[in-house]
Amino acid sequence: DKRTRNFCDKCNHWVCGKHYSKVCSSCMDSSSDVMDD
């Protein structure tokens, strides 16, 4: 029951700090498979 204020800009799901990472704009433009990995 991990609560968080962060959410993914791509899938719009809530994600905690453990599963949340910041990326640059070039990575944001990469394929969805790379983002998922």
ModelCIF file with pLDDT and N, C-alpha, C, O atoms, coordinates in Angstrom:
data_MODEL
#
_entry.id   MODEL 
#
_entity.id                         1 
_entity.type                       polymer 
_entity.pdbx_number_of_molecules   1 
#
_entity_poly.entity_id                      1 
_entity_poly.type                           'polypeptide(L)' 
_entity_poly.nstd_linkage                   no 
_entity_poly.nstd_monomer                   no 
_entity_poly.pdbx_seq_one_letter_code       DKRTRNFCDKCNHWVCGKHYSKVCSSCMDSSSDVMDD 
_entity_poly.pdbx_seq_one_letter_code_can   DKRTRNFCDKCNHWVCGKHYSKVCSSCMDSSSDVMDD 
_entity_poly.pdbx_strand_id                 A 
#
loop_
_entity_poly_seq.entity_id 
_entity_poly_seq.num 
_entity_poly_seq.mon_id 
_entity_poly_seq.hetero 
1 1  ASP n 
1 2  LYS n 
1 3  ARG n 
1 4  THR n 
1 5  ARG n 
1 6  ASN n 
1 7  PHE n 
1 8  CYS n 
1 9  ASP n 
1 10 LYS n 
1 11 CYS n 
1 12 ASN n 
1 13 HIS n 
1 14 TRP n 
1 15 VAL n 
1 16 CYS n 
1 17 GLY n 
1 18 LYS n 
1 19 HIS n 
1 20 TYR n 
1 21 SER n 
1 22 LYS n 
1 23 VAL n 
1 24 CYS n 
1 25 SER n 
1 26 SER n 
1 27 CYS n 
1 28 MET n 
1 29 ASP n 
1 30 SER n 
1 31 SER n 
1 32 SER n 
1 33 ASP n 
1 34 VAL n 
1 35 MET n 
1 36 ASP n 
1 37 ASP n 
#
_struct_asym.id          A 
_struct_asym.entity_id   1 
#
loop_
_ma_qa_metric.id 
_ma_qa_metric.mode 
_ma_qa_metric.name 
_ma_qa_metric.software_group_id 
_ma_qa_metric.type 
1 global pLDDT . pLDDT 
2 local  pLDDT . pLDDT 
#
_ma_qa_metric_global.metric_id      1 
_ma_qa_metric_global.metric_value   61.24 
_ma_qa_metric_global.model_id       1 
_ma_qa_metric_global.ordinal_id     1 
#
loop_
_ma_qa_metric_local.label_asym_id 
_ma_qa_metric_local.label_comp_id 
_ma_qa_metric_local.label_seq_id 
_ma_qa_metric_local.metric_id 
_ma_qa_metric_local.metric_value 
_ma_qa_metric_local.model_id 
_ma_qa_metric_local.ordinal_id 
A ASP 1  2 77.00 1 1  
A LYS 2  2 81.00 1 2  
A ARG 3  2 81.00 1 3  
A THR 4  2 80.00 1 4  
A ARG 5  2 72.00 1 5  
A ASN 6  2 77.00 1 6  
A PHE 7  2 70.00 1 7  
A CYS 8  2 71.00 1 8  
A ASP 9  2 61.00 1 9  
A LYS 10 2 64.00 1 10 
A CYS 11 2 68.00 1 11 
A ASN 12 2 64.00 1 12 
A HIS 13 2 72.00 1 13 
A TRP 14 2 69.00 1 14 
A VAL 15 2 73.00 1 15 
A CYS 16 2 78.00 1 16 
A GLY 17 2 69.00 1 17 
A LYS 18 2 68.00 1 18 
A HIS 19 2 70.00 1 19 
A TYR 20 2 67.00 1 20 
A SER 21 2 67.00 1 21 
A LYS 22 2 64.00 1 22 
A VAL 23 2 62.00 1 23 
A CYS 24 2 62.00 1 24 
A SER 25 2 53.00 1 25 
A SER 26 2 52.00 1 26 
A CYS 27 2 56.00 1 27 
A MET 28 2 51.00 1 28 
A ASP 29 2 49.00 1 29 
A SER 30 2 46.00 1 30 
A SER 31 2 41.00 1 31 
A SER 32 2 40.00 1 32 
A ASP 33 2 41.00 1 33 
A VAL 34 2 36.00 1 34 
A MET 35 2 36.00 1 35 
A ASP 36 2 39.00 1 36 
A ASP 37 2 39.00 1 37 
#
loop_
_atom_site.group_PDB 
_atom_site.id 
_atom_site.type_symbol 
_atom_site.label_atom_id 
_atom_site.label_alt_id 
_atom_site.label_comp_id 
_atom_site.label_asym_id 
_atom_site.label_entity_id 
_atom_site.label_seq_id 
_atom_site.pdbx_PDB_ins_code 
_atom_site.Cartn_x 
_atom_site.Cartn_y 
_atom_site.Cartn_z 
_atom_site.occupancy 
_atom_site.B_iso_or_equiv 
_atom_site.pdbx_formal_charge 
_atom_site.auth_seq_id 
_atom_site.auth_comp_id 
_atom_site.auth_asym_id 
_atom_site.auth_atom_id 
_atom_site.pdbx_PDB_model_num 
ATOM 1   N N  . ASP A 1 1  ? 0.824  -1.209 0.000   1.00 77.00 ? 1  ASP A N  1 
ATOM 2   C CA . ASP A 1 1  ? 0.000  0.000  0.000   1.00 77.00 ? 1  ASP A CA 1 
ATOM 3   C C  . ASP A 1 1  ? 0.864  1.267  0.000   1.00 77.00 ? 1  ASP A C  1 
ATOM 4   O O  . ASP A 1 1  ? 0.649  2.173  0.806   1.00 77.00 ? 1  ASP A O  1 
ATOM 5   N N  . LYS A 1 2  ? 1.834  1.320  -0.904  1.00 81.00 ? 2  LYS A N  1 
ATOM 6   C CA . LYS A 1 2  ? 2.786  2.435  -0.975  1.00 81.00 ? 2  LYS A CA 1 
ATOM 7   C C  . LYS A 1 2  ? 2.114  3.654  -1.616  1.00 81.00 ? 2  LYS A C  1 
ATOM 8   O O  . LYS A 1 2  ? 1.739  3.618  -2.788  1.00 81.00 ? 2  LYS A O  1 
ATOM 9   N N  . ARG A 1 3  ? 1.967  4.734  -0.836  1.00 81.00 ? 3  ARG A N  1 
ATOM 10  C CA . ARG A 1 3  ? 1.340  5.973  -1.332  1.00 81.00 ? 3  ARG A CA 1 
ATOM 11  C C  . ARG A 1 3  ? 2.401  6.919  -1.867  1.00 81.00 ? 3  ARG A C  1 
ATOM 12  O O  . ARG A 1 3  ? 3.518  6.964  -1.351  1.00 81.00 ? 3  ARG A O  1 
ATOM 13  N N  . THR A 1 4  ? 2.053  7.677  -2.906  1.00 80.00 ? 4  THR A N  1 
ATOM 14  C CA . THR A 1 4  ? 3.021  8.587  -3.509  1.00 80.00 ? 4  THR A CA 1 
ATOM 15  C C  . THR A 1 4  ? 2.299  9.774  -4.125  1.00 80.00 ? 4  THR A C  1 
ATOM 16  O O  . THR A 1 4  ? 1.113  9.712  -4.449  1.00 80.00 ? 4  THR A O  1 
ATOM 17  N N  . ARG A 1 5  ? 3.074  10.890 -4.282  1.00 72.00 ? 5  ARG A N  1 
ATOM 18  C CA . ARG A 1 5  ? 2.551  12.080 -4.959  1.00 72.00 ? 5  ARG A CA 1 
ATOM 19  C C  . ARG A 1 5  ? 3.034  12.154 -6.403  1.00 72.00 ? 5  ARG A C  1 
ATOM 20  O O  . ARG A 1 5  ? 2.588  13.018 -7.157  1.00 72.00 ? 5  ARG A O  1 
ATOM 21  N N  . ASN A 1 6  ? 3.945  11.252 -6.800  1.00 77.00 ? 6  ASN A N  1 
ATOM 22  C CA . ASN A 1 6  ? 4.501  11.276 -8.152  1.00 77.00 ? 6  ASN A CA 1 
ATOM 23  C C  . ASN A 1 6  ? 3.688  10.386 -9.086  1.00 77.00 ? 6  ASN A C  1 
ATOM 24  O O  . ASN A 1 6  ? 3.108  9.390  -8.655  1.00 77.00 ? 6  ASN A O  1 
ATOM 25  N N  . PHE A 1 7  ? 3.649  10.742 -10.332 1.00 70.00 ? 7  PHE A N  1 
ATOM 26  C CA . PHE A 1 7  ? 3.015  9.895  -11.317 1.00 70.00 ? 7  PHE A CA 1 
ATOM 27  C C  . PHE A 1 7  ? 3.789  9.995  -12.623 1.00 70.00 ? 7  PHE A C  1 
ATOM 28  O O  . PHE A 1 7  ? 4.500  10.970 -12.871 1.00 70.00 ? 7  PHE A O  1 
ATOM 29  N N  . CYS A 1 8  ? 3.638  8.968  -13.454 1.00 71.00 ? 8  CYS A N  1 
ATOM 30  C CA . CYS A 1 8  ? 4.372  8.880  -14.713 1.00 71.00 ? 8  CYS A CA 1 
ATOM 31  C C  . CYS A 1 8  ? 3.713  9.769  -15.762 1.00 71.00 ? 8  CYS A C  1 
ATOM 32  O O  . CYS A 1 8  ? 2.503  9.695  -15.976 1.00 71.00 ? 8  CYS A O  1 
ATOM 33  N N  . ASP A 1 9  ? 4.507  10.603 -16.409 1.00 61.00 ? 9  ASP A N  1 
ATOM 34  C CA . ASP A 1 9  ? 3.970  11.482 -17.447 1.00 61.00 ? 9  ASP A CA 1 
ATOM 35  C C  . ASP A 1 9  ? 3.518  10.718 -18.691 1.00 61.00 ? 9  ASP A C  1 
ATOM 36  O O  . ASP A 1 9  ? 2.754  11.244 -19.501 1.00 61.00 ? 9  ASP A O  1 
ATOM 37  N N  . LYS A 1 10 ? 3.986  9.483  -18.845 1.00 64.00 ? 10 LYS A N  1 
ATOM 38  C CA . LYS A 1 10 ? 3.641  8.731  -20.057 1.00 64.00 ? 10 LYS A CA 1 
ATOM 39  C C  . LYS A 1 10 ? 2.386  7.885  -19.882 1.00 64.00 ? 10 LYS A C  1 
ATOM 40  O O  . LYS A 1 10 ? 1.468  7.955  -20.698 1.00 64.00 ? 10 LYS A O  1 
ATOM 41  N N  . CYS A 1 11 ? 2.345  7.076  -18.807 1.00 68.00 ? 11 CYS A N  1 
ATOM 42  C CA . CYS A 1 11 ? 1.187  6.194  -18.604 1.00 68.00 ? 11 CYS A CA 1 
ATOM 43  C C  . CYS A 1 11 ? 0.188  6.765  -17.603 1.00 68.00 ? 11 CYS A C  1 
ATOM 44  O O  . CYS A 1 11 ? -0.914 6.237  -17.453 1.00 68.00 ? 11 CYS A O  1 
ATOM 45  N N  . ASN A 1 12 ? 0.577  7.859  -16.906 1.00 64.00 ? 12 ASN A N  1 
ATOM 46  C CA . ASN A 1 12 ? -0.322 8.535  -15.980 1.00 64.00 ? 12 ASN A CA 1 
ATOM 47  C C  . ASN A 1 12 ? -0.626 7.712  -14.722 1.00 64.00 ? 12 ASN A C  1 
ATOM 48  O O  . ASN A 1 12 ? -1.615 7.967  -14.035 1.00 64.00 ? 12 ASN A O  1 
ATOM 49  N N  . HIS A 1 13 ? 0.232  6.719  -14.422 1.00 72.00 ? 13 HIS A N  1 
ATOM 50  C CA . HIS A 1 13 ? 0.056  5.919  -13.220 1.00 72.00 ? 13 HIS A CA 1 
ATOM 51  C C  . HIS A 1 13 ? 0.835  6.540  -12.066 1.00 72.00 ? 13 HIS A C  1 
ATOM 52  O O  . HIS A 1 13 ? 1.885  7.146  -12.279 1.00 72.00 ? 13 HIS A O  1 
ATOM 53  N N  . TRP A 1 14 ? 0.319  6.390  -10.833 1.00 69.00 ? 14 TRP A N  1 
ATOM 54  C CA . TRP A 1 14 ? 1.082  6.799  -9.662  1.00 69.00 ? 14 TRP A CA 1 
ATOM 55  C C  . TRP A 1 14 ? 2.300  5.883  -9.512  1.00 69.00 ? 14 TRP A C  1 
ATOM 56  O O  . TRP A 1 14 ? 2.189  4.666  -9.660  1.00 69.00 ? 14 TRP A O  1 
ATOM 57  N N  . VAL A 1 15 ? 3.460  6.473  -9.219  1.00 73.00 ? 15 VAL A N  1 
ATOM 58  C CA . VAL A 1 15 ? 4.682  5.692  -9.002  1.00 73.00 ? 15 VAL A CA 1 
ATOM 59  C C  . VAL A 1 15 ? 5.431  6.269  -7.808  1.00 73.00 ? 15 VAL A C  1 
ATOM 60  O O  . VAL A 1 15 ? 5.545  7.486  -7.668  1.00 73.00 ? 15 VAL A O  1 
ATOM 61  N N  . CYS A 1 16 ? 5.936  5.394  -6.955  1.00 78.00 ? 16 CYS A N  1 
ATOM 62  C CA . CYS A 1 16 ? 6.701  5.829  -5.787  1.00 78.00 ? 16 CYS A CA 1 
ATOM 63  C C  . CYS A 1 16 ? 8.120  6.164  -6.190  1.00 78.00 ? 16 CYS A C  1 
ATOM 64  O O  . CYS A 1 16 ? 8.513  5.984  -7.342  1.00 78.00 ? 16 CYS A O  1 
ATOM 65  N N  . GLY A 1 17 ? 8.890  6.657  -5.220  1.00 69.00 ? 17 GLY A N  1 
ATOM 66  C CA . GLY A 1 17 ? 10.264 7.034  -5.503  1.00 69.00 ? 17 GLY A CA 1 
ATOM 67  C C  . GLY A 1 17 ? 11.130 5.878  -5.951  1.00 69.00 ? 17 GLY A C  1 
ATOM 68  O O  . GLY A 1 17 ? 12.096 6.064  -6.691  1.00 69.00 ? 17 GLY A O  1 
ATOM 69  N N  . LYS A 1 18 ? 10.779 4.672  -5.498  1.00 68.00 ? 18 LYS A N  1 
ATOM 70  C CA . LYS A 1 18 ? 11.554 3.490  -5.870  1.00 68.00 ? 18 LYS A CA 1 
ATOM 71  C C  . LYS A 1 18 ? 11.448 3.194  -7.356  1.00 68.00 ? 18 LYS A C  1 
ATOM 72  O O  . LYS A 1 18 ? 12.409 2.728  -7.968  1.00 68.00 ? 18 LYS A O  1 
ATOM 73  N N  . HIS A 1 19 ? 10.270 3.464  -7.947  1.00 70.00 ? 19 HIS A N  1 
ATOM 74  C CA . HIS A 1 19 ? 10.038 3.162  -9.351  1.00 70.00 ? 19 HIS A CA 1 
ATOM 75  C C  . HIS A 1 19 ? 10.008 4.417  -10.223 1.00 70.00 ? 19 HIS A C  1 
ATOM 76  O O  . HIS A 1 19 ? 9.665  4.344  -11.403 1.00 70.00 ? 19 HIS A O  1 
ATOM 77  N N  . TYR A 1 20 ? 10.366 5.567  -9.646  1.00 67.00 ? 20 TYR A N  1 
ATOM 78  C CA . TYR A 1 20 ? 10.282 6.832  -10.384 1.00 67.00 ? 20 TYR A CA 1 
ATOM 79  C C  . TYR A 1 20 ? 11.692 7.298  -10.707 1.00 67.00 ? 20 TYR A C  1 
ATOM 80  O O  . TYR A 1 20 ? 12.559 7.299  -9.834  1.00 67.00 ? 20 TYR A O  1 
ATOM 81  N N  . SER A 1 21 ? 11.928 7.690  -11.943 1.00 67.00 ? 21 SER A N  1 
ATOM 82  C CA . SER A 1 21 ? 13.239 8.225  -12.302 1.00 67.00 ? 21 SER A CA 1 
ATOM 83  C C  . SER A 1 21 ? 13.056 9.404  -13.245 1.00 67.00 ? 21 SER A C  1 
ATOM 84  O O  . SER A 1 21 ? 12.133 9.439  -14.059 1.00 67.00 ? 21 SER A O  1 
ATOM 85  N N  . LYS A 1 22 ? 13.964 10.372 -13.112 1.00 64.00 ? 22 LYS A N  1 
ATOM 86  C CA . LYS A 1 22 ? 13.901 11.568 -13.953 1.00 64.00 ? 22 LYS A CA 1 
ATOM 87  C C  . LYS A 1 22 ? 14.754 11.345 -15.194 1.00 64.00 ? 22 LYS A C  1 
ATOM 88  O O  . LYS A 1 22 ? 15.850 10.791 -15.108 1.00 64.00 ? 22 LYS A O  1 
ATOM 89  N N  . VAL A 1 23 ? 14.251 11.775 -16.346 1.00 62.00 ? 23 VAL A N  1 
ATOM 90  C CA . VAL A 1 23 ? 14.980 11.605 -17.606 1.00 62.00 ? 23 VAL A CA 1 
ATOM 91  C C  . VAL A 1 23 ? 15.009 12.930 -18.342 1.00 62.00 ? 23 VAL A C  1 
ATOM 92  O O  . VAL A 1 23 ? 14.196 13.816 -18.078 1.00 62.00 ? 23 VAL A O  1 
ATOM 93  N N  . CYS A 1 24 ? 15.958 13.062 -19.277 1.00 62.00 ? 24 CYS A N  1 
ATOM 94  C CA . CYS A 1 24 ? 16.078 14.282 -20.062 1.00 62.00 ? 24 CYS A CA 1 
ATOM 95  C C  . CYS A 1 24 ? 15.092 14.256 -21.222 1.00 62.00 ? 24 CYS A C  1 
ATOM 96  O O  . CYS A 1 24 ? 14.417 13.253 -21.453 1.00 62.00 ? 24 CYS A O  1 
ATOM 97  N N  . SER A 1 25 ? 15.014 15.363 -21.946 1.00 53.00 ? 25 SER A N  1 
ATOM 98  C CA . SER A 1 25 ? 14.034 15.472 -23.023 1.00 53.00 ? 25 SER A CA 1 
ATOM 99  C C  . SER A 1 25 ? 14.321 14.507 -24.168 1.00 53.00 ? 25 SER A C  1 
ATOM 100 O O  . SER A 1 25 ? 13.391 14.028 -24.817 1.00 53.00 ? 25 SER A O  1 
ATOM 101 N N  . SER A 1 26 ? 15.610 14.213 -24.427 1.00 52.00 ? 26 SER A N  1 
ATOM 102 C CA . SER A 1 26 ? 15.928 13.284 -25.517 1.00 52.00 ? 26 SER A CA 1 
ATOM 103 C C  . SER A 1 26 ? 15.457 11.872 -25.188 1.00 52.00 ? 26 SER A C  1 
ATOM 104 O O  . SER A 1 26 ? 14.992 11.142 -26.064 1.00 52.00 ? 26 SER A O  1 
ATOM 105 N N  . CYS A 1 27 ? 15.582 11.493 -23.909 1.00 56.00 ? 27 CYS A N  1 
ATOM 106 C CA . CYS A 1 27 ? 15.107 10.168 -23.493 1.00 56.00 ? 27 CYS A CA 1 
ATOM 107 C C  . CYS A 1 27 ? 13.593 10.100 -23.535 1.00 56.00 ? 27 CYS A C  1 
ATOM 108 O O  . CYS A 1 27 ? 13.016 9.051  -23.819 1.00 56.00 ? 27 CYS A O  1 
ATOM 109 N N  . MET A 1 28 ? 12.945 11.242 -23.247 1.00 51.00 ? 28 MET A N  1 
ATOM 110 C CA . MET A 1 28 ? 11.489 11.257 -23.293 1.00 51.00 ? 28 MET A CA 1 
ATOM 111 C C  . MET A 1 28 ? 10.980 10.984 -24.704 1.00 51.00 ? 28 MET A C  1 
ATOM 112 O O  . MET A 1 28 ? 9.879  10.464 -24.888 1.00 51.00 ? 28 MET A O  1 
ATOM 113 N N  . ASP A 1 29 ? 11.807 11.346 -25.714 1.00 49.00 ? 29 ASP A N  1 
ATOM 114 C CA . ASP A 1 29 ? 11.405 11.144 -27.098 1.00 49.00 ? 29 ASP A CA 1 
ATOM 115 C C  . ASP A 1 29 ? 11.746 9.756  -27.630 1.00 49.00 ? 29 ASP A C  1 
ATOM 116 O O  . ASP A 1 29 ? 11.409 9.427  -28.767 1.00 49.00 ? 29 ASP A O  1 
ATOM 117 N N  . SER A 1 30 ? 12.416 8.933  -26.808 1.00 46.00 ? 30 SER A N  1 
ATOM 118 C CA . SER A 1 30 ? 12.812 7.595  -27.252 1.00 46.00 ? 30 SER A CA 1 
ATOM 119 C C  . SER A 1 30 ? 11.591 6.672  -27.282 1.00 46.00 ? 30 SER A C  1 
ATOM 120 O O  . SER A 1 30 ? 10.492 7.059  -26.885 1.00 46.00 ? 30 SER A O  1 
ATOM 121 N N  . SER A 1 31 ? 11.807 5.459  -27.755 1.00 41.00 ? 31 SER A N  1 
ATOM 122 C CA . SER A 1 31 ? 10.686 4.510  -27.909 1.00 41.00 ? 31 SER A CA 1 
ATOM 123 C C  . SER A 1 31 ? 10.123 4.101  -26.563 1.00 41.00 ? 31 SER A C  1 
ATOM 124 O O  . SER A 1 31 ? 10.797 4.167  -25.535 1.00 41.00 ? 31 SER A O  1 
ATOM 125 N N  . SER A 1 32 ? 8.884  3.683  -26.595 1.00 40.00 ? 32 SER A N  1 
ATOM 126 C CA . SER A 1 32 ? 8.198  3.288  -25.368 1.00 40.00 ? 32 SER A CA 1 
ATOM 127 C C  . SER A 1 32 ? 8.841  2.066  -24.740 1.00 40.00 ? 32 SER A C  1 
ATOM 128 O O  . SER A 1 32 ? 8.810  1.914  -23.519 1.00 40.00 ? 32 SER A O  1 
ATOM 129 N N  . ASP A 1 33 ? 9.422  1.196  -25.548 1.00 41.00 ? 33 ASP A N  1 
ATOM 130 C CA . ASP A 1 33 ? 10.051 0.001  -24.998 1.00 41.00 ? 33 ASP A CA 1 
ATOM 131 C C  . ASP A 1 33 ? 11.252 0.358  -24.145 1.00 41.00 ? 33 ASP A C  1 
ATOM 132 O O  . ASP A 1 33 ? 11.475 -0.255 -23.102 1.00 41.00 ? 33 ASP A O  1 
ATOM 133 N N  . VAL A 1 34 ? 12.044 1.360  -24.583 1.00 36.00 ? 34 VAL A N  1 
ATOM 134 C CA . VAL A 1 34 ? 13.198 1.803  -23.811 1.00 36.00 ? 34 VAL A CA 1 
ATOM 135 C C  . VAL A 1 34 ? 12.741 2.428  -22.513 1.00 36.00 ? 34 VAL A C  1 
ATOM 136 O O  . VAL A 1 34 ? 13.333 2.179  -21.463 1.00 36.00 ? 34 VAL A O  1 
ATOM 137 N N  . MET A 1 35 ? 11.695 3.238  -22.568 1.00 36.00 ? 35 MET A N  1 
ATOM 138 C CA . MET A 1 35 ? 11.164 3.862  -21.361 1.00 36.00 ? 35 MET A CA 1 
ATOM 139 C C  . MET A 1 35 ? 10.684 2.805  -20.374 1.00 36.00 ? 35 MET A C  1 
ATOM 140 O O  . MET A 1 35 ? 10.917 2.924  -19.171 1.00 36.00 ? 35 MET A O  1 
ATOM 141 N N  . ASP A 1 36 ? 10.014 1.772  -20.881 1.00 39.00 ? 36 ASP A N  1 
ATOM 142 C CA . ASP A 1 36 ? 9.510  0.719  -20.007 1.00 39.00 ? 36 ASP A CA 1 
ATOM 143 C C  . ASP A 1 36 ? 10.656 -0.001 -19.319 1.00 39.00 ? 36 ASP A C  1 
ATOM 144 O O  . ASP A 1 36 ? 10.549 -0.371 -18.150 1.00 39.00 ? 36 ASP A O  1 
ATOM 145 N N  . ASP A 1 37 ? 11.767 -0.205 -20.049 1.00 39.00 ? 37 ASP A N  1 
ATOM 146 C CA . ASP A 1 37 ? 12.908 -0.878 -19.444 1.00 39.00 ? 37 ASP A CA 1 
ATOM 147 C C  . ASP A 1 37 ? 13.543 -0.018 -18.359 1.00 39.00 ? 37 ASP A C  1 
ATOM 148 O O  . ASP A 1 37 ? 14.523 -0.430 -17.739 1.00 39.00 ? 37 ASP A O  1 
#
